[in-house]
Amino acid sequence: QVQLVESGGGLVQAGGSLRLSCAASGRTFSNYAMGWLRQAPGKEREVVAAISRNHGRTYYADSAKGRFTISRDNAKNMVYLQMSSLKPEDTAVYSCAADHLASSWTASENLEEYDYWGQGTQVTVSS
C-alpha cells in the first residue's frame, strides 16, 4: 500500500499558476503509475494528467493540454502538477493517485485504474 499527501493548493486569480506536489510513502514509488485527479462541485471525478512509472509517457485530459505539466521524481517519491493559465473552471479538489498494476510505459488514463489516492488539496481560481 502507498500513502499519498498533496500540497500546494490555494486561491489564485484567473491566468495565474500553481504547482501541486504529492509526497508518497510506503511501497516502492517507482512501481506505481501516478496521476492527478480532480473533482469539482457537482461533477464527477476525472483524471487530469498521468505519468508512467518510467517517466516516458504522459497523458493529459483535453482540458489540461498545453496548460498543465505532470512530472515525477522517483528518487524523492514525489509527483508534481504544474498548472498555468488557470481558469475558474479549474476550481476543484485535486488529488494524486497511484496505479499499482500499470506497466512501465502506461500512463493511466481511466479513473478505475487507480487503487490509491490522497485526501486532496483545494484549488480555487477566481475570475
N, C-alpha and C. Protein backbone atom coordinates (compact mmCIF):
# COMPACT_ATOMS: atom_id res chain seq x y z
N GLN A 1 0.83 -1.18 0.00
CA GLN A 1 0.00 0.00 0.00
C GLN A 1 0.88 1.24 0.00
N VAL A 2 0.38 2.31 -0.60
CA VAL A 2 1.13 3.57 -0.65
C VAL A 2 0.25 4.67 -0.05
N GLN A 3 0.88 5.56 0.68
CA GLN A 3 0.19 6.71 1.25
C GLN A 3 0.56 7.96 0.47
N LEU A 4 -0.43 8.78 0.18
CA LEU A 4 -0.22 9.95 -0.67
C LEU A 4 -0.73 11.21 0.05
N VAL A 5 0.11 12.25 0.05
CA VAL A 5 -0.26 13.51 0.69
C VAL A 5 0.02 14.65 -0.27
N GLU A 6 -1.02 15.40 -0.59
CA GLU A 6 -0.91 16.51 -1.53
C GLU A 6 -0.68 17.83 -0.80
N SER A 7 -0.06 18.77 -1.51
CA SER A 7 0.12 20.12 -1.01
C SER A 7 0.21 21.07 -2.19
N GLY A 8 0.09 22.36 -1.89
CA GLY A 8 0.31 23.37 -2.92
C GLY A 8 -0.95 24.03 -3.46
N GLY A 9 -2.11 23.58 -3.01
CA GLY A 9 -3.33 24.22 -3.47
C GLY A 9 -3.50 25.60 -2.87
N GLY A 10 -4.53 26.30 -3.33
CA GLY A 10 -4.80 27.63 -2.80
C GLY A 10 -5.71 28.41 -3.70
N LEU A 11 -5.76 29.71 -3.42
CA LEU A 11 -6.59 30.64 -4.20
C LEU A 11 -5.69 31.41 -5.16
N VAL A 12 -6.08 31.45 -6.42
CA VAL A 12 -5.30 32.14 -7.43
C VAL A 12 -6.24 32.82 -8.41
N GLN A 13 -5.80 33.92 -8.97
CA GLN A 13 -6.61 34.61 -9.96
C GLN A 13 -6.52 33.91 -11.31
N ALA A 14 -7.54 34.08 -12.10
CA ALA A 14 -7.53 33.52 -13.45
C ALA A 14 -6.28 34.00 -14.20
N GLY A 15 -5.66 33.08 -14.92
CA GLY A 15 -4.43 33.39 -15.62
C GLY A 15 -3.18 33.08 -14.82
N GLY A 16 -3.34 32.81 -13.54
CA GLY A 16 -2.21 32.53 -12.67
C GLY A 16 -1.75 31.09 -12.74
N SER A 17 -0.78 30.78 -11.89
CA SER A 17 -0.16 29.45 -11.87
C SER A 17 -0.11 28.90 -10.47
N LEU A 18 -0.10 27.59 -10.38
CA LEU A 18 0.10 26.88 -9.12
C LEU A 18 0.87 25.62 -9.42
N ARG A 19 1.65 25.18 -8.43
CA ARG A 19 2.34 23.90 -8.54
C ARG A 19 1.89 23.01 -7.40
N LEU A 20 1.27 21.92 -7.74
CA LEU A 20 0.85 20.95 -6.74
C LEU A 20 1.94 19.90 -6.56
N SER A 21 2.09 19.45 -5.33
CA SER A 21 3.05 18.40 -5.02
C SER A 21 2.35 17.25 -4.32
N CYS A 22 2.87 16.07 -4.50
CA CYS A 22 2.33 14.89 -3.85
C CYS A 22 3.49 14.05 -3.33
N ALA A 23 3.50 13.83 -2.02
CA ALA A 23 4.53 13.00 -1.40
C ALA A 23 3.98 11.61 -1.16
N ALA A 24 4.74 10.61 -1.59
CA ALA A 24 4.32 9.23 -1.44
C ALA A 24 5.19 8.51 -0.43
N SER A 25 4.59 7.63 0.33
CA SER A 25 5.34 6.81 1.28
C SER A 25 4.74 5.42 1.29
N GLY A 26 5.51 4.47 1.78
CA GLY A 26 5.03 3.10 1.82
C GLY A 26 5.80 2.23 0.86
N ARG A 27 5.11 1.64 -0.08
CA ARG A 27 5.74 0.74 -1.03
C ARG A 27 6.63 1.51 -2.02
N THR A 28 7.39 0.79 -2.82
CA THR A 28 8.32 1.39 -3.77
C THR A 28 7.58 2.27 -4.76
N PHE A 29 7.88 3.56 -4.72
CA PHE A 29 7.16 4.56 -5.50
C PHE A 29 7.27 4.29 -6.99
N SER A 30 8.44 3.85 -7.44
CA SER A 30 8.65 3.66 -8.87
C SER A 30 7.85 2.49 -9.43
N ASN A 31 7.18 1.73 -8.59
CA ASN A 31 6.33 0.64 -9.04
C ASN A 31 4.93 1.10 -9.44
N TYR A 32 4.65 2.39 -9.25
CA TYR A 32 3.30 2.90 -9.50
C TYR A 32 3.28 3.90 -10.64
N ALA A 33 2.33 3.74 -11.54
CA ALA A 33 1.98 4.85 -12.40
C ALA A 33 1.21 5.84 -11.55
N MET A 34 1.40 7.12 -11.83
CA MET A 34 0.80 8.17 -10.99
C MET A 34 -0.09 9.08 -11.81
N GLY A 35 -1.06 9.64 -11.15
CA GLY A 35 -1.95 10.57 -11.83
C GLY A 35 -2.44 11.65 -10.90
N TRP A 36 -2.97 12.69 -11.49
CA TRP A 36 -3.66 13.73 -10.76
C TRP A 36 -5.13 13.68 -11.18
N LEU A 37 -5.99 13.62 -10.19
CA LEU A 37 -7.44 13.61 -10.40
C LEU A 37 -8.00 14.92 -9.87
N ARG A 38 -9.16 15.29 -10.33
CA ARG A 38 -9.83 16.43 -9.73
C ARG A 38 -11.34 16.21 -9.70
N GLN A 39 -11.96 16.84 -8.72
CA GLN A 39 -13.41 16.78 -8.60
C GLN A 39 -13.94 18.16 -8.26
N ALA A 40 -14.71 18.70 -9.17
CA ALA A 40 -15.35 19.99 -8.96
C ALA A 40 -16.72 19.78 -8.33
N PRO A 41 -17.24 20.78 -7.64
CA PRO A 41 -18.56 20.65 -7.01
C PRO A 41 -19.62 20.25 -8.03
N GLY A 42 -20.37 19.20 -7.71
CA GLY A 42 -21.44 18.76 -8.58
C GLY A 42 -21.00 17.99 -9.81
N LYS A 43 -19.70 17.72 -9.91
CA LYS A 43 -19.19 17.00 -11.08
C LYS A 43 -18.50 15.72 -10.66
N GLU A 44 -18.35 14.82 -11.62
CA GLU A 44 -17.66 13.58 -11.35
C GLU A 44 -16.15 13.81 -11.31
N ARG A 45 -15.48 12.93 -10.57
CA ARG A 45 -14.03 12.98 -10.53
C ARG A 45 -13.48 12.61 -11.90
N GLU A 46 -12.40 13.27 -12.30
CA GLU A 46 -11.80 12.98 -13.59
C GLU A 46 -10.28 12.93 -13.48
N VAL A 47 -9.67 12.21 -14.40
CA VAL A 47 -8.22 12.17 -14.49
C VAL A 47 -7.76 13.38 -15.29
N VAL A 48 -6.95 14.20 -14.70
CA VAL A 48 -6.46 15.40 -15.36
C VAL A 48 -5.14 15.12 -16.08
N ALA A 49 -4.26 14.39 -15.43
CA ALA A 49 -2.95 14.10 -16.01
C ALA A 49 -2.42 12.80 -15.40
N ALA A 50 -1.56 12.13 -16.15
CA ALA A 50 -0.99 10.88 -15.66
C ALA A 50 0.42 10.73 -16.21
N ILE A 51 1.23 9.95 -15.48
CA ILE A 51 2.61 9.73 -15.90
C ILE A 51 2.98 8.28 -15.61
N SER A 52 3.73 7.70 -16.52
CA SER A 52 4.10 6.30 -16.38
C SER A 52 5.18 6.13 -15.32
N ARG A 53 5.41 4.88 -14.96
CA ARG A 53 6.40 4.58 -13.93
C ARG A 53 7.78 5.07 -14.30
N ASN A 54 8.12 4.98 -15.59
CA ASN A 54 9.47 5.33 -16.03
C ASN A 54 9.56 6.73 -16.62
N HIS A 55 8.59 7.59 -16.37
CA HIS A 55 8.54 8.97 -16.85
C HIS A 55 8.32 9.06 -18.36
N GLY A 56 8.35 7.93 -19.07
CA GLY A 56 8.42 8.01 -20.51
C GLY A 56 7.14 8.38 -21.21
N ARG A 57 6.02 8.26 -20.52
CA ARG A 57 4.74 8.54 -21.17
C ARG A 57 3.86 9.37 -20.25
N THR A 58 3.18 10.33 -20.85
CA THR A 58 2.24 11.14 -20.08
C THR A 58 0.90 11.19 -20.79
N TYR A 59 -0.11 11.52 -20.03
CA TYR A 59 -1.46 11.70 -20.55
C TYR A 59 -2.03 12.97 -19.95
N TYR A 60 -2.78 13.71 -20.78
CA TYR A 60 -3.48 14.90 -20.31
C TYR A 60 -4.91 14.89 -20.82
N ALA A 61 -5.82 15.24 -19.95
CA ALA A 61 -7.19 15.47 -20.40
C ALA A 61 -7.18 16.67 -21.34
N ASP A 62 -8.15 16.72 -22.23
CA ASP A 62 -8.21 17.82 -23.19
C ASP A 62 -8.21 19.18 -22.49
N SER A 63 -8.86 19.24 -21.34
CA SER A 63 -8.96 20.49 -20.60
C SER A 63 -7.61 20.95 -20.05
N ALA A 64 -6.66 20.02 -19.95
CA ALA A 64 -5.36 20.32 -19.34
C ALA A 64 -4.23 20.49 -20.37
N LYS A 65 -4.45 20.04 -21.57
CA LYS A 65 -3.39 20.07 -22.58
C LYS A 65 -2.90 21.50 -22.84
N GLY A 66 -1.59 21.64 -22.84
CA GLY A 66 -0.99 22.94 -23.11
C GLY A 66 -0.91 23.85 -21.90
N ARG A 67 -1.56 23.47 -20.80
CA ARG A 67 -1.56 24.33 -19.60
C ARG A 67 -0.98 23.62 -18.39
N PHE A 68 -1.15 22.33 -18.31
CA PHE A 68 -0.68 21.56 -17.14
C PHE A 68 0.49 20.67 -17.55
N THR A 69 1.41 20.46 -16.61
CA THR A 69 2.52 19.54 -16.83
C THR A 69 2.69 18.65 -15.61
N ILE A 70 2.66 17.35 -15.83
CA ILE A 70 2.88 16.39 -14.75
C ILE A 70 4.32 15.92 -14.81
N SER A 71 4.92 15.72 -13.65
CA SER A 71 6.28 15.20 -13.58
C SER A 71 6.43 14.40 -12.30
N ARG A 72 7.49 13.61 -12.23
CA ARG A 72 7.74 12.83 -11.04
C ARG A 72 9.22 12.74 -10.78
N ASP A 73 9.56 12.54 -9.53
CA ASP A 73 10.94 12.35 -9.11
C ASP A 73 10.96 11.07 -8.28
N ASN A 74 11.34 9.98 -8.90
CA ASN A 74 11.30 8.69 -8.22
C ASN A 74 12.29 8.61 -7.05
N ALA A 75 13.37 9.39 -7.13
CA ALA A 75 14.35 9.38 -6.05
C ALA A 75 13.80 10.05 -4.79
N LYS A 76 12.86 10.99 -4.99
CA LYS A 76 12.28 11.72 -3.86
C LYS A 76 10.87 11.26 -3.53
N ASN A 77 10.34 10.29 -4.27
CA ASN A 77 8.98 9.80 -4.06
C ASN A 77 7.96 10.94 -4.18
N MET A 78 8.13 11.74 -5.23
CA MET A 78 7.27 12.90 -5.41
C MET A 78 6.68 12.92 -6.82
N VAL A 79 5.47 13.44 -6.91
CA VAL A 79 4.87 13.73 -8.20
C VAL A 79 4.31 15.15 -8.15
N TYR A 80 4.39 15.85 -9.27
CA TYR A 80 4.03 17.25 -9.31
C TYR A 80 3.03 17.51 -10.43
N LEU A 81 2.28 18.59 -10.25
CA LEU A 81 1.42 19.08 -11.32
C LEU A 81 1.61 20.59 -11.40
N GLN A 82 2.29 21.03 -12.46
CA GLN A 82 2.45 22.46 -12.71
C GLN A 82 1.26 22.92 -13.54
N MET A 83 0.54 23.89 -13.01
CA MET A 83 -0.66 24.39 -13.68
C MET A 83 -0.46 25.87 -14.00
N SER A 84 -0.72 26.23 -15.22
CA SER A 84 -0.60 27.62 -15.63
C SER A 84 -1.84 28.02 -16.42
N SER A 85 -1.96 29.32 -16.67
CA SER A 85 -3.13 29.86 -17.38
C SER A 85 -4.42 29.31 -16.78
N LEU A 86 -4.49 29.35 -15.46
CA LEU A 86 -5.62 28.76 -14.76
C LEU A 86 -6.92 29.50 -15.06
N LYS A 87 -8.01 28.74 -15.10
CA LYS A 87 -9.33 29.27 -15.40
C LYS A 87 -10.26 28.97 -14.23
N PRO A 88 -11.32 29.75 -14.08
CA PRO A 88 -12.27 29.45 -12.99
C PRO A 88 -12.80 28.01 -13.04
N GLU A 89 -12.93 27.45 -14.23
CA GLU A 89 -13.43 26.07 -14.34
C GLU A 89 -12.42 25.03 -13.88
N ASP A 90 -11.20 25.45 -13.56
CA ASP A 90 -10.22 24.54 -12.97
C ASP A 90 -10.43 24.39 -11.46
N THR A 91 -11.32 25.16 -10.90
CA THR A 91 -11.60 25.08 -9.47
C THR A 91 -12.10 23.69 -9.11
N ALA A 92 -11.41 23.05 -8.16
CA ALA A 92 -11.73 21.66 -7.80
C ALA A 92 -10.82 21.23 -6.66
N VAL A 93 -11.13 20.08 -6.10
CA VAL A 93 -10.21 19.40 -5.20
C VAL A 93 -9.34 18.48 -6.06
N TYR A 94 -8.03 18.66 -5.95
CA TYR A 94 -7.07 17.89 -6.74
C TYR A 94 -6.42 16.84 -5.85
N SER A 95 -6.42 15.60 -6.34
CA SER A 95 -5.83 14.50 -5.60
C SER A 95 -4.82 13.79 -6.48
N CYS A 96 -3.74 13.31 -5.87
CA CYS A 96 -2.87 12.44 -6.63
C CYS A 96 -3.29 11.00 -6.38
N ALA A 97 -2.97 10.14 -7.32
CA ALA A 97 -3.44 8.77 -7.25
C ALA A 97 -2.37 7.84 -7.81
N ALA A 98 -2.42 6.58 -7.39
CA ALA A 98 -1.43 5.59 -7.78
C ALA A 98 -2.09 4.34 -8.36
N ASP A 99 -1.50 3.84 -9.42
CA ASP A 99 -1.97 2.62 -10.08
C ASP A 99 -0.86 1.58 -9.97
N HIS A 100 -1.10 0.51 -9.22
CA HIS A 100 -0.03 -0.45 -8.97
C HIS A 100 0.04 -1.54 -10.01
N LEU A 101 -0.91 -1.60 -10.94
CA LEU A 101 -0.90 -2.66 -11.95
C LEU A 101 -0.36 -2.18 -13.30
N ALA A 102 0.00 -0.92 -13.39
CA ALA A 102 0.42 -0.37 -14.68
C ALA A 102 1.78 -0.92 -15.09
N SER A 103 1.96 -1.09 -16.39
CA SER A 103 3.28 -1.45 -16.90
C SER A 103 4.18 -0.22 -16.86
N SER A 104 5.44 -0.42 -17.16
CA SER A 104 6.41 0.68 -17.07
C SER A 104 6.05 1.84 -17.99
N TRP A 105 5.37 1.55 -19.10
CA TRP A 105 5.10 2.57 -20.11
C TRP A 105 3.65 3.05 -20.10
N THR A 106 2.89 2.70 -19.11
CA THR A 106 1.48 3.08 -19.07
C THR A 106 1.25 4.35 -18.28
N ALA A 107 0.61 5.31 -18.91
CA ALA A 107 0.11 6.48 -18.20
C ALA A 107 -1.39 6.25 -18.06
N SER A 108 -1.84 5.99 -16.86
CA SER A 108 -3.21 5.50 -16.62
C SER A 108 -4.23 6.61 -16.84
N GLU A 109 -5.05 6.44 -17.88
CA GLU A 109 -5.99 7.48 -18.28
C GLU A 109 -7.35 7.37 -17.62
N ASN A 110 -7.66 6.20 -17.09
CA ASN A 110 -9.02 5.95 -16.60
C ASN A 110 -9.06 5.92 -15.09
N LEU A 111 -10.11 6.49 -14.56
CA LEU A 111 -10.27 6.61 -13.11
C LEU A 111 -10.22 5.25 -12.43
N GLU A 112 -10.81 4.24 -13.03
CA GLU A 112 -10.92 2.93 -12.37
C GLU A 112 -9.58 2.20 -12.30
N GLU A 113 -8.55 2.73 -12.97
CA GLU A 113 -7.24 2.09 -12.91
C GLU A 113 -6.50 2.41 -11.61
N TYR A 114 -6.95 3.40 -10.90
CA TYR A 114 -6.22 3.85 -9.72
C TYR A 114 -6.71 3.14 -8.46
N ASP A 115 -5.74 2.72 -7.65
CA ASP A 115 -6.03 1.97 -6.45
C ASP A 115 -5.96 2.81 -5.18
N TYR A 116 -5.12 3.82 -5.20
CA TYR A 116 -4.89 4.64 -4.02
C TYR A 116 -4.92 6.11 -4.42
N TRP A 117 -5.46 6.93 -3.54
CA TRP A 117 -5.40 8.37 -3.75
C TRP A 117 -5.38 9.08 -2.41
N GLY A 118 -4.91 10.32 -2.46
CA GLY A 118 -4.79 11.10 -1.23
C GLY A 118 -6.07 11.85 -0.90
N GLN A 119 -5.99 12.66 0.15
CA GLN A 119 -7.16 13.43 0.61
C GLN A 119 -7.48 14.59 -0.30
N GLY A 120 -6.48 15.08 -0.99
CA GLY A 120 -6.71 16.16 -1.93
C GLY A 120 -6.35 17.52 -1.39
N THR A 121 -6.17 18.46 -2.31
CA THR A 121 -5.89 19.85 -1.97
C THR A 121 -6.80 20.74 -2.82
N GLN A 122 -7.36 21.76 -2.19
CA GLN A 122 -8.32 22.61 -2.87
C GLN A 122 -7.60 23.64 -3.74
N VAL A 123 -8.05 23.75 -4.97
CA VAL A 123 -7.60 24.79 -5.89
C VAL A 123 -8.82 25.63 -6.25
N THR A 124 -8.71 26.93 -6.00
CA THR A 124 -9.80 27.85 -6.32
C THR A 124 -9.26 28.94 -7.22
N VAL A 125 -9.87 29.10 -8.37
CA VAL A 125 -9.45 30.10 -9.35
C VAL A 125 -10.55 31.16 -9.45
N SER A 126 -10.20 32.37 -9.10
CA SER A 126 -11.17 33.46 -9.13
C SER A 126 -11.12 34.18 -10.48
N SER A 127 -12.26 34.69 -10.87
CA SER A 127 -12.33 35.38 -12.17
C SER A 127 -12.04 36.86 -12.03
